[in-house]
Amino acid sequence: MADPQEIIDAVFTDESRRQARASGAYSNALELFQGDPERTTEWLSTPLQALANAAPLTLAATDIGAREVEELIGQLQHGIII
C-alpha cells in the first residue's frame, strides 16, 4: 500500500504541473493578442476547429495538449493560417 504522504505529494505535483501548463498557455496567448486579457481569455475558452473543437485551456491541462496549444499559437504568431 502506498504511503498517504506520497499520494498527497503526487496529487499536488500533478496540480502544480497543470497550473504551470495553463499559466504558460495564458502567457503565450496574451502575447499573441498583444496584451489584451479579454481577447486572450475568450480565445482560450473557445473550442477551436484547429484543436479538434476543443478549447485551448482544456487541452493545456495535459502535456500533449499544452504542446498542441503552443504549436498553434506559434503558427498564428508567424501568420500561418489554420
PDB file of N, CA and C in Angstrom:
ATOM      1  N   MET A   1       0.839  -1.177   0.000  1.00  0.00           N
ATOM      2  CA  MET A   1       0.000   0.000   0.000  1.00  0.00           C
ATOM      3  C   MET A   1       0.884   1.241   0.000  1.00  0.00           C
ATOM      4  N   ALA A   2       0.468   2.253  -0.781  1.00  0.00           N
ATOM      5  CA  ALA A   2       1.252   3.477  -0.903  1.00  0.00           C
ATOM      6  C   ALA A   2       1.147   4.318   0.371  1.00  0.00           C
ATOM      7  N   ASP A   3       2.214   5.010   0.629  1.00  0.00           N
ATOM      8  CA  ASP A   3       2.262   5.936   1.756  1.00  0.00           C
ATOM      9  C   ASP A   3       1.312   7.100   1.461  1.00  0.00           C
ATOM     10  N   PRO A   4       0.406   7.437   2.404  1.00  0.00           N
ATOM     11  CA  PRO A   4      -0.534   8.538   2.168  1.00  0.00           C
ATOM     12  C   PRO A   4       0.161   9.851   1.800  1.00  0.00           C
ATOM     13  N   GLN A   5       1.306  10.119   2.383  1.00  0.00           N
ATOM     14  CA  GLN A   5       2.011  11.364   2.059  1.00  0.00           C
ATOM     15  C   GLN A   5       2.497  11.347   0.611  1.00  0.00           C
ATOM     16  N   GLU A   6       2.913  10.191   0.121  1.00  0.00           N
ATOM     17  CA  GLU A   6       3.343  10.079  -1.272  1.00  0.00           C
ATOM     18  C   GLU A   6       2.177  10.362  -2.217  1.00  0.00           C
ATOM     19  N   ILE A   7       1.003   9.887  -1.847  1.00  0.00           N
ATOM     20  CA  ILE A   7      -0.195  10.135  -2.657  1.00  0.00           C
ATOM     21  C   ILE A   7      -0.509  11.620  -2.666  1.00  0.00           C
ATOM     22  N   ILE A   8      -0.471  12.244  -1.514  1.00  0.00           N
ATOM     23  CA  ILE A   8      -0.737  13.685  -1.407  1.00  0.00           C
ATOM     24  C   ILE A   8       0.282  14.467  -2.234  1.00  0.00           C
ATOM     25  N   ASP A   9       1.557  14.109  -2.109  1.00  0.00           N
ATOM     26  CA  ASP A   9       2.607  14.793  -2.862  1.00  0.00           C
ATOM     27  C   ASP A   9       2.383  14.645  -4.367  1.00  0.00           C
ATOM     28  N   ALA A  10       1.988  13.463  -4.804  1.00  0.00           N
ATOM     29  CA  ALA A  10       1.752  13.225  -6.223  1.00  0.00           C
ATOM     30  C   ALA A  10       0.592  14.073  -6.734  1.00  0.00           C
ATOM     31  N   VAL A  11      -0.472  14.169  -5.945  1.00  0.00           N
ATOM     32  CA  VAL A  11      -1.631  14.972  -6.343  1.00  0.00           C
ATOM     33  C   VAL A  11      -1.239  16.437  -6.459  1.00  0.00           C
ATOM     34  N   PHE A  12      -0.512  16.950  -5.478  1.00  0.00           N
ATOM     35  CA  PHE A  12      -0.100  18.347  -5.525  1.00  0.00           C
ATOM     36  C   PHE A  12       0.880  18.597  -6.663  1.00  0.00           C
ATOM     37  N   THR A  13       1.745  17.639  -6.946  1.00  0.00           N
ATOM     38  CA  THR A  13       2.679  17.779  -8.051  1.00  0.00           C
ATOM     39  C   THR A  13       1.919  17.832  -9.370  1.00  0.00           C
ATOM     40  N   ASP A  14       0.940  16.952  -9.556  1.00  0.00           N
ATOM     41  CA  ASP A  14       0.127  16.961 -10.767  1.00  0.00           C
ATOM     42  C   ASP A  14      -0.622  18.280 -10.906  1.00  0.00           C
ATOM     43  N   GLU A  15      -1.189  18.767  -9.812  1.00  0.00           N
ATOM     44  CA  GLU A  15      -1.920  20.028  -9.843  1.00  0.00           C
ATOM     45  C   GLU A  15      -0.979  21.184 -10.168  1.00  0.00           C
ATOM     46  N   SER A  16       0.200  21.170  -9.616  1.00  0.00           N
ATOM     47  CA  SER A  16       1.185  22.220  -9.900  1.00  0.00           C
ATOM     48  C   SER A  16       1.559  22.216 -11.373  1.00  0.00           C
ATOM     49  N   ARG A  17       1.753  21.045 -11.924  1.00  0.00           N
ATOM     50  CA  ARG A  17       2.081  20.942 -13.352  1.00  0.00           C
ATOM     51  C   ARG A  17       0.934  21.455 -14.215  1.00  0.00           C
ATOM     52  N   ARG A  18      -0.287  21.090 -13.848  1.00  0.00           N
ATOM     53  CA  ARG A  18      -1.455  21.554 -14.605  1.00  0.00           C
ATOM     54  C   ARG A  18      -1.539  23.074 -14.571  1.00  0.00           C
ATOM     55  N   GLN A  19      -1.328  23.647 -13.397  1.00  0.00           N
ATOM     56  CA  GLN A  19      -1.376  25.103 -13.277  1.00  0.00           C
ATOM     57  C   GLN A  19      -0.258  25.765 -14.070  1.00  0.00           C
ATOM     58  N   ALA A  20       0.914  25.165 -14.072  1.00  0.00           N
ATOM     59  CA  ALA A  20       2.039  25.716 -14.836  1.00  0.00           C
ATOM     60  C   ALA A  20       1.733  25.676 -16.335  1.00  0.00           C
ATOM     61  N   ARG A  21       1.136  24.588 -16.809  1.00  0.00           N
ATOM     62  CA  ARG A  21       0.773  24.492 -18.223  1.00  0.00           C
ATOM     63  C   ARG A  21      -0.271  25.542 -18.583  1.00  0.00           C
ATOM     64  N   ALA A  22      -1.283  25.699 -17.741  1.00  0.00           N
ATOM     65  CA  ALA A  22      -2.336  26.684 -18.002  1.00  0.00           C
ATOM     66  C   ALA A  22      -1.752  28.095 -17.991  1.00  0.00           C
ATOM     67  N   SER A  23      -0.860  28.357 -17.074  1.00  0.00           N
ATOM     68  CA  SER A  23      -0.218  29.663 -16.994  1.00  0.00           C
ATOM     69  C   SER A  23       0.613  29.936 -18.245  1.00  0.00           C
ATOM     70  N   GLY A  24       1.337  28.925 -18.705  1.00  0.00           N
ATOM     71  CA  GLY A  24       2.128  29.079 -19.923  1.00  0.00           C
ATOM     72  C   GLY A  24       1.253  29.344 -21.133  1.00  0.00           C
ATOM     73  N   ALA A  25       0.142  28.630 -21.237  1.00  0.00           N
ATOM     74  CA  ALA A  25      -0.787  28.835 -22.351  1.00  0.00           C
ATOM     75  C   ALA A  25      -1.344  30.251 -22.305  1.00  0.00           C
ATOM     76  N   TYR A  26      -1.698  30.717 -21.114  1.00  0.00           N
ATOM     77  CA  TYR A  26      -2.232  32.074 -20.982  1.00  0.00           C
ATOM     78  C   TYR A  26      -1.177  33.104 -21.389  1.00  0.00           C
ATOM     79  N   SER A  27       0.032  32.920 -20.909  1.00  0.00           N
ATOM     80  CA  SER A  27       1.115  33.858 -21.212  1.00  0.00           C
ATOM     81  C   SER A  27       1.378  33.931 -22.714  1.00  0.00           C
ATOM     82  N   ASN A  28       1.454  32.778 -23.361  1.00  0.00           N
ATOM     83  CA  ASN A  28       1.692  32.754 -24.806  1.00  0.00           C
ATOM     84  C   ASN A  28       0.535  33.367 -25.579  1.00  0.00           C
ATOM     85  N   ALA A  29      -0.685  33.067 -25.157  1.00  0.00           N
ATOM     86  CA  ALA A  29      -1.857  33.629 -25.832  1.00  0.00           C
ATOM     87  C   ALA A  29      -1.946  35.134 -25.591  1.00  0.00           C
ATOM     88  N   LEU A  30      -1.582  35.580 -24.411  1.00  0.00           N
ATOM     89  CA  LEU A  30      -1.601  37.015 -24.109  1.00  0.00           C
ATOM     90  C   LEU A  30      -0.645  37.756 -25.044  1.00  0.00           C
ATOM     91  N   GLU A  31       0.499  37.155 -25.299  1.00  0.00           N
ATOM     92  CA  GLU A  31       1.450  37.744 -26.250  1.00  0.00           C
ATOM     93  C   GLU A  31       0.843  37.778 -27.652  1.00  0.00           C
ATOM     94  N   LEU A  32       0.187  36.682 -28.042  1.00  0.00           N
ATOM     95  CA  LEU A  32      -0.461  36.604 -29.353  1.00  0.00           C
ATOM     96  C   LEU A  32      -1.477  37.728 -29.516  1.00  0.00           C
ATOM     97  N   PHE A  33      -2.234  37.998 -28.458  1.00  0.00           N
ATOM     98  CA  PHE A  33      -3.280  39.022 -28.520  1.00  0.00           C
ATOM     99  C   PHE A  33      -2.803  40.372 -27.992  1.00  0.00           C
ATOM    100  N   GLN A  34      -1.505  40.592 -28.055  1.00  0.00           N
ATOM    101  CA  GLN A  34      -0.879  41.877 -27.763  1.00  0.00           C
ATOM    102  C   GLN A  34      -1.305  42.453 -26.416  1.00  0.00           C
ATOM    103  N   GLY A  35      -1.342  41.591 -25.419  1.00  0.00           N
ATOM    104  CA  GLY A  35      -1.606  42.032 -24.056  1.00  0.00           C
ATOM    105  C   GLY A  35      -3.063  42.277 -23.712  1.00  0.00           C
ATOM    106  N   ASP A  36      -3.978  41.874 -24.574  1.00  0.00           N
ATOM    107  CA  ASP A  36      -5.412  42.081 -24.318  1.00  0.00           C
ATOM    108  C   ASP A  36      -5.960  40.880 -23.539  1.00  0.00           C
ATOM    109  N   PRO A  37      -6.190  41.052 -22.219  1.00  0.00           N
ATOM    110  CA  PRO A  37      -6.626  39.912 -21.408  1.00  0.00           C
ATOM    111  C   PRO A  37      -8.018  39.401 -21.758  1.00  0.00           C
ATOM    112  N   GLU A  38      -8.915  40.274 -22.201  1.00  0.00           N
ATOM    113  CA  GLU A  38     -10.269  39.823 -22.551  1.00  0.00           C
ATOM    114  C   GLU A  38     -10.244  38.937 -23.787  1.00  0.00           C
ATOM    115  N   ARG A  39      -9.533  39.363 -24.827  1.00  0.00           N
ATOM    116  CA  ARG A  39      -9.435  38.547 -26.048  1.00  0.00           C
ATOM    117  C   ARG A  39      -8.711  37.244 -25.756  1.00  0.00           C
ATOM    118  N   THR A  40      -7.692  37.313 -24.910  1.00  0.00           N
ATOM    119  CA  THR A  40      -6.932  36.121 -24.551  1.00  0.00           C
ATOM    120  C   THR A  40      -7.817  35.106 -23.854  1.00  0.00           C
ATOM    121  N   THR A  41      -8.550  35.548 -22.849  1.00  0.00           N
ATOM    122  CA  THR A  41      -9.425  34.655 -22.096  1.00  0.00           C
ATOM    123  C   THR A  41     -10.513  34.072 -22.983  1.00  0.00           C
ATOM    124  N   GLU A  42     -11.076  34.889 -23.852  1.00  0.00           N
ATOM    125  CA  GLU A  42     -12.115  34.404 -24.759  1.00  0.00           C
ATOM    126  C   GLU A  42     -11.542  33.341 -25.697  1.00  0.00           C
ATOM    127  N   TRP A  43     -10.361  33.602 -26.255  1.00  0.00           N
ATOM    128  CA  TRP A  43      -9.748  32.641 -27.184  1.00  0.00           C
ATOM    129  C   TRP A  43      -9.430  31.326 -26.479  1.00  0.00           C
ATOM    130  N   LEU A  44      -8.874  31.412 -25.288  1.00  0.00           N
ATOM    131  CA  LEU A  44      -8.517  30.202 -24.541  1.00  0.00           C
ATOM    132  C   LEU A  44      -9.745  29.375 -24.162  1.00  0.00           C
ATOM    133  N   SER A  45     -10.895  30.009 -24.044  1.00  0.00           N
ATOM    134  CA  SER A  45     -12.118  29.333 -23.608  1.00  0.00           C
ATOM    135  C   SER A  45     -12.991  28.841 -24.750  1.00  0.00           C
ATOM    136  N   THR A  46     -12.642  29.204 -25.976  1.00  0.00           N
ATOM    137  CA  THR A  46     -13.476  28.896 -27.129  1.00  0.00           C
ATOM    138  C   THR A  46     -12.991  27.637 -27.843  1.00  0.00           C
ATOM    139  N   PRO A  47     -13.875  26.667 -28.072  1.00  0.00           N
ATOM    140  CA  PRO A  47     -13.476  25.487 -28.856  1.00  0.00           C
ATOM    141  C   PRO A  47     -13.031  25.929 -30.252  1.00  0.00           C
ATOM    142  N   LEU A  48     -11.906  25.380 -30.698  1.00  0.00           N
ATOM    143  CA  LEU A  48     -11.332  25.766 -31.987  1.00  0.00           C
ATOM    144  C   LEU A  48     -11.256  24.562 -32.919  1.00  0.00           C
ATOM    145  N   GLN A  49     -11.634  24.776 -34.161  1.00  0.00           N
ATOM    146  CA  GLN A  49     -11.570  23.703 -35.150  1.00  0.00           C
ATOM    147  C   GLN A  49     -10.141  23.192 -35.291  1.00  0.00           C
ATOM    148  N   ALA A  50      -9.165  24.087 -35.193  1.00  0.00           N
ATOM    149  CA  ALA A  50      -7.758  23.698 -35.328  1.00  0.00           C
ATOM    150  C   ALA A  50      -7.296  22.764 -34.207  1.00  0.00           C
ATOM    151  N   LEU A  51      -8.059  22.713 -33.128  1.00  0.00           N
ATOM    152  CA  LEU A  51      -7.742  21.841 -31.991  1.00  0.00           C
ATOM    153  C   LEU A  51      -8.823  20.777 -31.811  1.00  0.00           C
ATOM    154  N   ALA A  52      -9.361  20.302 -32.920  1.00  0.00           N
ATOM    155  CA  ALA A  52     -10.402  19.266 -32.910  1.00  0.00           C
ATOM    156  C   ALA A  52     -11.604  19.677 -32.060  1.00  0.00           C
ATOM    157  N   ASN A  53     -11.971  20.951 -32.173  1.00  0.00           N
ATOM    158  CA  ASN A  53     -13.113  21.528 -31.463  1.00  0.00           C
ATOM    159  C   ASN A  53     -12.977  21.485 -29.948  1.00  0.00           C
ATOM    160  N   ALA A  54     -11.761  21.554 -29.473  1.00  0.00           N
ATOM    161  CA  ALA A  54     -11.505  21.659 -28.033  1.00  0.00           C
ATOM    162  C   ALA A  54     -11.038  23.081 -27.732  1.00  0.00           C
ATOM    163  N   ALA A  55     -11.325  23.535 -26.528  1.00  0.00           N
ATOM    164  CA  ALA A  55     -10.842  24.845 -26.096  1.00  0.00           C
ATOM    165  C   ALA A  55      -9.370  24.717 -25.712  1.00  0.00           C
ATOM    166  N   PRO A  56      -8.547  25.692 -26.088  1.00  0.00           N
ATOM    167  CA  PRO A  56      -7.129  25.626 -25.764  1.00  0.00           C
ATOM    168  C   PRO A  56      -6.851  25.394 -24.278  1.00  0.00           C
ATOM    169  N   LEU A  57      -7.590  26.044 -23.420  1.00  0.00           N
ATOM    170  CA  LEU A  57      -7.348  25.889 -21.990  1.00  0.00           C
ATOM    171  C   LEU A  57      -7.653  24.470 -21.521  1.00  0.00           C
ATOM    172  N   THR A  58      -8.643  23.836 -22.117  1.00  0.00           N
ATOM    173  CA  THR A  58      -8.957  22.451 -21.782  1.00  0.00           C
ATOM    174  C   THR A  58      -7.807  21.535 -22.191  1.00  0.00           C
ATOM    175  N   LEU A  59      -7.290  21.735 -23.389  1.00  0.00           N
ATOM    176  CA  LEU A  59      -6.169  20.920 -23.859  1.00  0.00           C
ATOM    177  C   LEU A  59      -4.908  21.157 -23.042  1.00  0.00           C
ATOM    178  N   ALA A  60      -4.716  22.386 -22.596  1.00  0.00           N
ATOM    179  CA  ALA A  60      -3.495  22.743 -21.862  1.00  0.00           C
ATOM    180  C   ALA A  60      -3.389  22.028 -20.519  1.00  0.00           C
ATOM    181  N   ALA A  61      -4.422  21.311 -20.128  1.00  0.00           N
ATOM    182  CA  ALA A  61      -4.381  20.579 -18.860  1.00  0.00           C
ATOM    183  C   ALA A  61      -3.470  19.359 -18.927  1.00  0.00           C
ATOM    184  N   THR A  62      -3.091  18.945 -20.146  1.00  0.00           N
ATOM    185  CA  THR A  62      -2.177  17.801 -20.291  1.00  0.00           C
ATOM    186  C   THR A  62      -0.913  18.262 -20.999  1.00  0.00           C
ATOM    187  N   ASP A  63       0.165  17.521 -20.837  1.00  0.00           N
ATOM    188  CA  ASP A  63       1.413  17.873 -21.505  1.00  0.00           C
ATOM    189  C   ASP A  63       1.248  17.886 -23.022  1.00  0.00           C
ATOM    190  N   ILE A  64       0.633  16.852 -23.562  1.00  0.00           N
ATOM    191  CA  ILE A  64       0.448  16.759 -25.015  1.00  0.00           C
ATOM    192  C   ILE A  64      -0.437  17.895 -25.511  1.00  0.00           C
ATOM    193  N   GLY A  65      -1.526  18.143 -24.816  1.00  0.00           N
ATOM    194  CA  GLY A  65      -2.430  19.214 -25.205  1.00  0.00           C
ATOM    195  C   GLY A  65      -1.765  20.578 -25.124  1.00  0.00           C
ATOM    196  N   ALA A  66      -0.971  20.800 -24.091  1.00  0.00           N
ATOM    197  CA  ALA A  66      -0.264  22.078 -23.945  1.00  0.00           C
ATOM    198  C   ALA A  66       0.687  22.290 -25.122  1.00  0.00           C
ATOM    199  N   ARG A  67       1.344  21.224 -25.552  1.00  0.00           N
ATOM    200  CA  ARG A  67       2.239  21.340 -26.720  1.00  0.00           C
ATOM    201  C   ARG A  67       1.443  21.682 -27.981  1.00  0.00           C
ATOM    202  N   GLU A  68       0.256  21.099 -28.125  1.00  0.00           N
ATOM    203  CA  GLU A  68      -0.591  21.410 -29.283  1.00  0.00           C
ATOM    204  C   GLU A  68      -0.997  22.877 -29.276  1.00  0.00           C
ATOM    205  N   VAL A  69      -1.360  23.380 -28.104  1.00  0.00           N
ATOM    206  CA  VAL A  69      -1.755  24.787 -27.979  1.00  0.00           C
ATOM    207  C   VAL A  69      -0.564  25.691 -28.285  1.00  0.00           C
ATOM    208  N   GLU A  70       0.606  25.368 -27.740  1.00  0.00           N
ATOM    209  CA  GLU A  70       1.809  26.164 -28.005  1.00  0.00           C
ATOM    210  C   GLU A  70       2.130  26.170 -29.498  1.00  0.00           C
ATOM    211  N   GLU A  71       1.992  25.019 -30.140  1.00  0.00           N
ATOM    212  CA  GLU A  71       2.265  24.930 -31.577  1.00  0.00           C
ATOM    213  C   GLU A  71       1.294  25.798 -32.364  1.00  0.00           C
ATOM    214  N   LEU A  72       0.010  25.749 -32.010  1.00  0.00           N
ATOM    215  CA  LEU A  72      -0.989  26.575 -32.688  1.00  0.00           C
ATOM    216  C   LEU A  72      -0.684  28.054 -32.492  1.00  0.00           C
ATOM    217  N   ILE A  73      -0.364  28.457 -31.285  1.00  0.00           N
ATOM    218  CA  ILE A  73      -0.044  29.860 -31.025  1.00  0.00           C
ATOM    219  C   ILE A  73       1.167  30.277 -31.859  1.00  0.00           C
ATOM    220  N   GLY A  74       2.177  29.432 -31.906  1.00  0.00           N
ATOM    221  CA  GLY A  74       3.353  29.744 -32.719  1.00  0.00           C
ATOM    222  C   GLY A  74       3.007  29.906 -34.185  1.00  0.00           C
ATOM    223  N   GLN A  75       2.152  29.040 -34.700  1.00  0.00           N
ATOM    224  CA  GLN A  75       1.733  29.147 -36.102  1.00  0.00           C
ATOM    225  C   GLN A  75       0.989  30.456 -36.342  1.00  0.00           C
ATOM    226  N   LEU A  76       0.109  30.799 -35.429  1.00  0.00           N
ATOM    227  CA  LEU A  76      -0.646  32.045 -35.576  1.00  0.00           C
ATOM    228  C   LEU A  76       0.275  33.264 -35.485  1.00  0.00           C
ATOM    229  N   GLN A  77       1.260  33.215 -34.596  1.00  0.00           N
ATOM    230  CA  GLN A  77       2.203  34.327 -34.463  1.00  0.00           C
ATOM    231  C   GLN A  77       3.023  34.529 -35.748  1.00  0.00           C
ATOM    232  N   HIS A  78       3.230  33.445 -36.478  1.00  0.00           N
ATOM    233  CA  HIS A  78       4.008  33.530 -37.701  1.00  0.00           C
ATOM    234  C   HIS A  78       3.137  33.657 -38.949  1.00  0.00           C
ATOM    235  N   GLY A  79       1.858  33.910 -38.741  1.00  0.00           N
ATOM    236  CA  GLY A  79       0.958  34.161 -39.852  1.00  0.00           C
ATOM    237  C   GLY A  79       0.519  32.942 -40.617  1.00  0.00           C
ATOM    238  N   ILE A  80       0.705  31.773 -40.036  1.00  0.00           N
ATOM    239  CA  ILE A  80       0.265  30.539 -40.690  1.00  0.00           C
ATOM    240  C   ILE A  80      -1.236  30.404 -40.466  1.00  0.00           C
ATOM    241  N   ILE A  81      -1.973  30.358 -41.545  1.00  0.00           N
ATOM    242  CA  ILE A  81      -3.432  30.263 -41.451  1.00  0.00           C
ATOM    243  C   ILE A  81      -3.819  28.805 -41.261  1.00  0.00           C
ATOM    244  N   ILE A  82      -4.614  28.561 -40.240  1.00  0.00           N
ATOM    245  CA  ILE A  82      -5.009  27.203 -39.877  1.00  0.00           C
ATOM    246  C   ILE A  82      -6.393  26.931 -40.446  1.00  0.00           C
TER     247      ILE A  82
END
